[in-house]
Protein backbone atom coordinates (compact mmCIF):
# COMPACT_ATOMS: atom_id res chain seq x y z
CA MET A 1 1.86 -21.03 -19.67
CA LYS A 2 -1.72 -21.76 -18.73
CA ILE A 3 -0.71 -22.36 -15.11
CA ALA A 4 1.07 -19.01 -14.93
CA SER A 5 -1.88 -17.30 -16.55
CA LYS A 6 -4.32 -18.87 -14.10
CA SER A 7 -2.04 -17.94 -11.22
CA ASN A 8 -1.91 -14.32 -12.38
CA ASN A 9 -5.70 -14.25 -12.71
CA VAL A 10 -6.10 -15.53 -9.16
CA VAL A 11 -3.66 -12.92 -7.84
CA LEU A 12 -5.48 -10.15 -9.71
CA LYS A 13 -8.85 -11.29 -8.33
CA ILE A 14 -7.48 -11.40 -4.78
CA GLN A 15 -5.98 -7.92 -5.21
CA LYS A 16 -9.34 -6.59 -6.44
CA ILE A 17 -11.16 -8.13 -3.48
CA ILE A 18 -8.69 -6.67 -0.97
CA GLN A 19 -8.83 -3.27 -2.68
CA PHE A 20 -12.65 -3.35 -2.53
CA CYS A 21 -12.53 -4.17 1.17
CA LEU A 22 -10.03 -1.41 1.82
CA THR A 23 -12.06 1.11 -0.13
CA TYR A 24 -15.61 0.30 0.87
CA LEU A 25 -15.90 -2.01 3.83
CA ILE A 26 -13.06 -1.86 6.32
CA SER A 27 -9.97 0.20 6.89
CA VAL A 28 -6.39 -0.97 6.58
CA CYS A 29 -6.09 -0.28 10.31
CA GLU A 30 -8.55 -3.07 10.97
CA ILE A 31 -7.08 -5.71 8.65
CA GLY A 32 -3.41 -4.66 8.52
CA VAL A 33 -2.93 -6.06 5.02
CA CYS A 34 -1.92 -4.19 1.87
CA VAL A 35 -1.96 -5.21 -1.76
CA VAL A 36 1.53 -5.37 -3.27
CA VAL A 37 1.42 -2.42 -5.66
CA ASN A 38 4.24 -0.08 -6.57
CA ASP A 39 2.60 3.35 -6.42
CA PRO A 40 4.96 5.47 -4.27
CA HIS A 41 3.68 8.17 -1.94
CA CYS A 42 5.79 10.57 0.08
CA GLY A 43 4.65 10.91 3.68
CA THR A 44 4.85 14.00 5.82
CA ASP A 45 7.67 12.18 7.65
CA ASN A 46 9.69 12.39 4.39
CA THR A 47 9.58 8.61 3.97
CA THR A 48 8.66 7.04 0.63
CA TYR A 49 5.94 4.41 1.10
CA SER A 50 5.49 1.83 -1.65
CA ASN A 51 1.79 2.69 -1.91
CA LEU A 52 -0.97 4.58 -0.13
CA CYS A 53 -2.03 1.52 1.82
CA GLU A 54 1.46 1.15 3.34
CA LEU A 55 1.37 4.82 4.34
CA GLN A 56 -2.04 4.36 5.96
CA ARG A 57 -0.80 1.29 7.81
CA ALA A 58 2.16 3.27 9.19
CA LYS A 59 -0.28 5.98 10.24
CA CYS A 60 -2.39 3.45 12.13
CA SER A 61 0.48 1.69 13.83
CA THR A 62 3.12 4.29 14.60
CA ASN A 63 2.29 7.86 13.57
CA PRO A 64 -1.32 9.11 13.77
CA GLN A 65 -0.20 12.52 12.46
CA LEU A 66 1.21 10.99 9.24
CA ASP A 67 -0.34 12.20 6.00
CA VAL A 68 0.44 12.25 2.29
CA GLN A 69 2.83 15.02 1.33
CA TYR A 70 2.58 14.19 -2.39
CA LYS A 71 2.29 11.25 -4.76
CA GLY A 72 5.67 9.90 -5.83
CA ASP A 73 9.04 9.24 -4.23
CA CYS A 74 10.23 11.65 -1.57
CA LEU A 75 13.02 13.73 -3.02
CA GLY A 76 16.38 12.66 -1.69
CA ARG A 77 14.97 9.53 -0.02
CA PHE A 78 15.44 6.21 -1.76
CA SER A 79 14.28 3.60 0.73
CA LEU A 80 10.73 2.37 0.40
CA HIS A 81 8.75 1.61 3.53
CA SER A 82 7.07 -1.70 2.88
CA THR A 83 6.47 -5.04 4.51
CA TYR A 84 6.63 -7.28 1.42
């Protein structure tokens, strides 16, 4: 169990570092990497994105007009847009 615990700690530290970079230093458009977090957001294109970072990445790459419609799954849409 110690190996799994250490592995989880490493993953958590990496996620915190990436989140810090995304928040304070560089944009997701520049790095193109998102932390794997399930925190659904509904985009103005009525697509459910697995998290805000994935929505921002779609905005950078394919749809500059894309914005957050609301936090949570889009009603009536069950597919998550993600690149896991």
